[in-house]
Protein backbone atom coordinates (compact mmCIF):
# COMPACT_ATOMS: atom_id res chain seq x y z
CA MET A 1 27.16 1.40 2.94
CA SER A 2 26.36 1.89 -0.77
CA SER A 3 24.30 4.85 -2.04
CA ILE A 4 20.84 4.14 -3.50
CA THR A 5 19.11 6.48 -6.01
CA LEU A 6 15.29 6.45 -6.00
CA ARG A 7 13.53 7.64 -9.05
CA ASP A 8 9.96 9.06 -9.28
CA PRO A 9 8.11 7.00 -11.85
CA THR A 10 5.36 9.66 -12.44
CA ALA A 11 5.06 11.34 -15.82
CA GLU A 12 6.04 14.80 -14.58
CA THR A 13 7.73 17.01 -17.13
CA SER A 14 9.84 18.55 -14.35
CA PRO A 15 10.38 16.07 -11.56
CA THR A 16 9.89 17.17 -7.99
CA ARG A 17 12.16 16.02 -5.25
CA ARG A 18 10.14 14.42 -2.47
CA ALA A 19 11.35 13.06 0.85
CA ARG A 20 11.12 9.27 0.97
CA LEU A 21 8.38 8.07 3.33
CA ALA A 22 9.59 5.74 6.01
CA PRO A 23 8.18 2.19 5.54
CA PRO A 24 5.66 1.13 8.22
CA PRO A 25 7.07 -1.00 11.06
CA SER A 26 4.58 -3.69 10.22
CA LEU A 27 1.94 -4.55 7.61
CA ASP A 28 -0.43 -5.92 10.21
CA GLY A 29 -3.91 -4.42 9.82
CA ARG A 30 -2.91 -2.59 6.63
CA SER A 31 -4.19 -3.05 3.11
CA VAL A 32 -1.86 -3.19 0.11
CA ALA A 33 -3.03 -1.97 -3.33
CA LEU A 34 -1.76 -4.12 -6.20
CA MET A 35 -2.05 -2.10 -9.47
CA ASP A 36 -1.62 -3.65 -12.85
CA ILE A 37 -0.58 -1.02 -15.38
CA GLY A 38 -1.63 -3.15 -18.33
CA LYS A 39 1.74 -4.41 -19.50
CA ALA A 40 2.28 -7.97 -20.63
CA ARG A 41 2.20 -10.53 -17.85
CA GLY A 42 1.33 -7.90 -15.27
CA ALA A 43 -1.66 -9.82 -14.02
CA GLU A 44 0.52 -12.92 -13.62
CA PHE A 45 3.07 -10.96 -11.57
CA ILE A 46 0.24 -9.52 -9.34
CA ASP A 47 -1.19 -13.03 -8.86
CA ARG A 48 2.13 -14.13 -7.43
CA LEU A 49 2.46 -11.10 -5.19
CA GLU A 50 -1.11 -11.48 -3.94
CA GLY A 51 -0.43 -15.10 -3.03
CA HIS A 52 2.65 -14.15 -0.97
CA PHE A 53 0.78 -11.35 0.79
CA ARG A 54 -2.27 -13.62 1.50
CA LYS A 55 0.08 -16.33 2.83
CA ALA A 56 1.47 -13.75 5.27
CA GLY A 57 -2.03 -12.68 6.27
CA ILE A 58 -1.87 -9.25 4.59
CA ALA A 59 -5.01 -7.85 2.94
CA THR A 60 -4.78 -6.79 -0.71
CA ARG A 61 -6.97 -4.99 -3.19
CA ARG A 62 -6.42 -5.13 -6.92
CA TYR A 63 -6.66 -2.26 -9.43
CA ARG A 64 -5.92 -1.84 -13.13
CA LYS A 65 -5.08 1.18 -15.20
CA PRO A 66 -7.40 1.56 -18.26
CA THR A 67 -4.33 1.67 -20.55
CA ASN A 68 -0.60 1.28 -20.16
CA THR A 69 0.08 4.22 -22.42
CA LYS A 70 -1.19 6.98 -20.14
CA VAL A 71 -0.87 8.02 -16.57
CA ALA A 72 -3.44 6.44 -14.24
CA PRO A 73 -6.62 8.63 -13.90
CA THR A 74 -6.71 10.89 -10.84
CA ASP A 75 -9.91 9.21 -9.62
CA LEU A 76 -8.25 5.80 -9.63
CA LEU A 77 -5.21 7.11 -7.71
CA GLN A 78 -7.51 8.81 -5.16
CA LYS A 79 -9.46 5.53 -4.69
CA ILE A 80 -6.25 3.55 -4.15
CA ALA A 81 -5.04 6.15 -1.62
CA ALA A 82 -8.42 6.14 0.20
CA GLU A 83 -8.69 2.37 0.42
CA ASN A 84 -5.12 1.33 1.17
CA GLN A 85 -2.04 2.26 3.18
CA LEU A 86 0.55 0.89 0.73
CA ALA A 87 0.75 0.24 -3.02
CA VAL A 88 2.67 -1.97 -5.36
CA ILE A 89 2.68 -1.02 -9.03
CA ALA A 90 3.19 -4.05 -11.23
CA LEU A 91 5.58 -3.23 -14.04
CA SER A 92 6.52 -6.21 -16.08
CA ASP A 93 7.74 -7.15 -19.56
């Protein structure tokens, strides 16, 4: 089995090692946050993801960072966490 290195994409100046959360056994009854970080074609990527999730009967909610040059505001991250059980951050270029 090959080794996989996971990286924390947050803008921390000194990264913190965190244990990886186990994925849920099923997405049934869960909501997935789809966050556009404001990069080129991000909305197009999220449109495709949302279509696949909807086809599978999985609820989604869309969010967008105010700018791609800064970390998402804390209130936005808290809202995403309060309203969803999983998140996909759309990074595209």
